[in-house]
Amino acid sequence: MKKDTWILVANSSCAKIYKVEKNLNLVELEVLEHPESRQKDADLVSSKPGRQFDSLGMGRHAYQQQTSPKLQEFETFARQLAELLDNAREKGLFGKLYLAANPSFLGILRPLLSISTEQLIAGEVDKDMTQLKAQQIREHFPLVM
């Protein structure tokens, strides 16, 4: 039995999963939203950064965050998508996967995918296509899927 081909179209706050039909039309299977990725850094943190005192002297300094709260939300959403794709692969829901996302989000998502899921990636487009219609998305991928 031939397994389905899926296309994941994503950015840091929205993702759509499409299934490629036999006639090569795309059918939207799922839409995922992550509104936290759209918020400002100030809205994502609960308070001002902590302070520390110098061991000698009277100086005080604010702690610096290693990663911005916004980037942490991007990673949270990418992790959620990677988990969804890994679970779907384990269930045998697709046998071939195409990814379309802006370059920075693709760079966050790729390392979070399991090796088994990564091996099913047949192609990537480094462009945010979340606002495009299914037919417009289809035009960016090979004729034979």
Protein backbone atom coordinates (compact mmCIF):
# COMPACT_ATOMS: atom_id res chain seq x y z
CA MET A 1 0.00 0.00 0.00
CA LYS A 2 1.35 3.39 -0.98
CA LYS A 3 1.53 5.84 1.92
CA ASP A 4 0.28 9.40 1.63
CA THR A 5 2.39 12.44 0.90
CA TRP A 6 2.09 15.36 3.30
CA ILE A 7 3.11 18.99 3.00
CA LEU A 8 3.77 21.05 6.12
CA VAL A 9 3.49 24.79 5.51
CA ALA A 10 4.57 26.78 8.55
CA ASN A 11 5.90 29.91 10.12
CA SER A 12 6.63 30.68 13.77
CA SER A 13 2.95 31.11 14.70
CA CYS A 14 0.87 29.11 12.21
CA ALA A 15 1.13 25.74 10.49
CA LYS A 16 -1.02 23.88 7.99
CA ILE A 17 -0.74 20.23 7.06
CA TYR A 18 -1.91 19.16 3.63
CA LYS A 19 -2.35 15.71 2.14
CA VAL A 20 -1.60 15.26 -1.56
CA GLU A 21 -4.49 13.51 -3.31
CA LYS A 22 -4.09 11.11 -6.26
CA ASN A 23 -5.06 13.93 -8.64
CA LEU A 24 -2.28 16.03 -7.00
CA ASN A 25 -4.75 18.43 -5.36
CA LEU A 26 -4.03 19.38 -1.76
CA VAL A 27 -6.48 18.66 1.04
CA GLU A 28 -6.00 20.59 4.28
CA LEU A 29 -5.81 18.12 7.19
CA GLU A 30 -5.01 20.38 10.09
CA VAL A 31 -4.32 23.99 11.05
CA LEU A 32 -2.26 24.75 14.15
CA GLU A 33 -1.91 28.18 15.71
CA HIS A 34 0.62 29.40 18.26
CA PRO A 35 -0.48 32.96 19.14
CA GLU A 36 2.27 33.35 21.78
CA SER A 37 4.79 33.65 18.94
CA ARG A 38 3.08 36.85 17.82
CA GLN A 39 3.33 38.56 21.19
CA LYS A 40 5.99 41.08 22.13
CA ASP A 41 8.87 39.98 24.36
CA ALA A 42 7.59 42.26 27.14
CA ASP A 43 4.22 40.48 27.11
CA LEU A 44 5.85 37.05 27.40
CA VAL A 45 7.81 37.68 30.61
CA SER A 46 6.24 38.03 34.01
CA SER A 47 8.59 40.61 35.52
CA LYS A 48 11.78 42.56 35.11
CA PRO A 49 15.03 40.60 35.08
CA GLY A 50 16.58 39.77 38.45
CA ARG A 51 19.51 41.75 39.86
CA GLN A 52 22.84 40.62 41.18
CA PHE A 53 25.40 42.44 43.29
CA ASP A 54 29.14 42.47 42.71
CA SER A 55 31.04 40.34 45.22
CA LEU A 56 33.32 43.33 45.85
CA GLY A 57 32.05 46.86 45.65
CA MET A 58 28.67 48.43 45.27
CA GLY A 59 27.81 47.51 41.66
CA ARG A 60 24.48 45.96 40.66
CA HIS A 61 23.68 44.32 37.35
CA ALA A 62 20.54 42.94 35.73
CA TYR A 63 20.65 39.31 34.66
CA GLN A 64 20.65 38.82 30.92
CA GLN A 65 18.41 36.18 29.35
CA GLN A 66 20.23 33.60 27.23
CA THR A 67 17.36 33.35 24.71
CA SER A 68 14.66 35.88 24.00
CA PRO A 69 11.16 34.90 25.14
CA LYS A 70 9.96 35.20 21.54
CA LEU A 71 12.60 32.76 20.28
CA GLN A 72 11.62 30.37 23.07
CA GLU A 73 8.03 30.46 21.78
CA PHE A 74 9.25 29.77 18.22
CA GLU A 75 11.11 26.73 19.56
CA THR A 76 8.07 25.59 21.56
CA PHE A 77 5.90 25.67 18.44
CA ALA A 78 8.57 23.94 16.33
CA ARG A 79 8.85 21.23 18.99
CA GLN A 80 5.06 20.78 18.91
CA LEU A 81 5.13 20.40 15.11
CA ALA A 82 8.06 17.98 15.20
CA GLU A 83 6.25 15.85 17.76
CA LEU A 84 3.07 15.84 15.65
CA LEU A 85 5.01 14.78 12.55
CA ASP A 86 6.93 12.09 14.44
CA ASN A 87 3.69 10.65 15.86
CA ALA A 88 2.01 10.68 12.44
CA ARG A 89 5.02 8.93 10.88
CA GLU A 90 4.95 6.27 13.61
CA LYS A 91 1.27 5.65 12.81
CA GLY A 92 2.13 5.31 9.12
CA LEU A 93 0.01 8.30 8.08
CA PHE A 94 2.55 9.51 5.52
CA GLY A 95 5.47 8.09 3.62
CA LYS A 96 6.79 11.27 2.07
CA LEU A 97 6.99 14.77 3.54
CA TYR A 98 7.58 18.20 2.06
CA LEU A 99 8.34 21.24 4.24
CA ALA A 100 7.74 24.90 3.46
CA ALA A 101 8.68 27.56 5.99
CA ASN A 102 10.65 30.78 6.21
CA PRO A 103 14.39 30.03 6.50
CA SER A 104 14.74 30.92 10.17
CA PHE A 105 11.81 28.74 11.29
CA LEU A 106 12.97 25.89 9.05
CA GLY A 107 16.32 26.13 10.83
CA ILE A 108 14.60 25.78 14.21
CA LEU A 109 12.32 22.91 13.10
CA ARG A 110 14.78 20.69 11.22
CA PRO A 111 16.97 19.61 14.18
CA LEU A 112 13.88 18.81 16.27
CA LEU A 113 12.63 16.15 13.85
CA SER A 114 13.54 12.54 14.57
CA ILE A 115 16.00 10.90 12.18
CA SER A 116 13.23 8.59 10.92
CA THR A 117 10.97 11.54 10.06
CA GLU A 118 13.85 13.50 8.56
CA GLN A 119 14.56 10.60 6.19
CA LEU A 120 11.04 10.96 4.74
CA ILE A 121 11.58 14.60 3.73
CA ALA A 122 11.44 14.67 -0.06
CA GLY A 123 11.91 18.41 -0.44
CA GLU A 124 11.91 21.82 1.20
CA VAL A 125 10.96 25.33 0.17
CA ASP A 126 12.39 28.09 2.33
CA LYS A 127 9.43 30.44 2.00
CA ASP A 128 6.49 31.29 4.25
CA MET A 129 3.42 30.05 2.35
CA THR A 130 0.92 30.03 5.20
CA GLN A 131 -1.16 32.77 3.54
CA LEU A 132 -1.33 31.04 0.15
CA LYS A 133 -4.22 28.95 -1.16
CA ALA A 134 -3.71 25.20 -1.66
CA GLN A 135 -3.32 25.50 -5.44
CA GLN A 136 -0.67 28.22 -5.05
CA ILE A 137 1.24 26.03 -2.59
CA ARG A 138 1.02 23.07 -4.96
CA GLU A 139 2.76 25.07 -7.68
CA HIS A 140 5.93 25.28 -5.55
CA PHE A 141 6.42 21.52 -5.41
CA PRO A 142 7.46 18.94 -8.03
CA LEU A 143 4.89 17.69 -10.52
CA VAL A 144 5.32 14.09 -9.41
CA MET A 145 4.94 13.63 -5.72
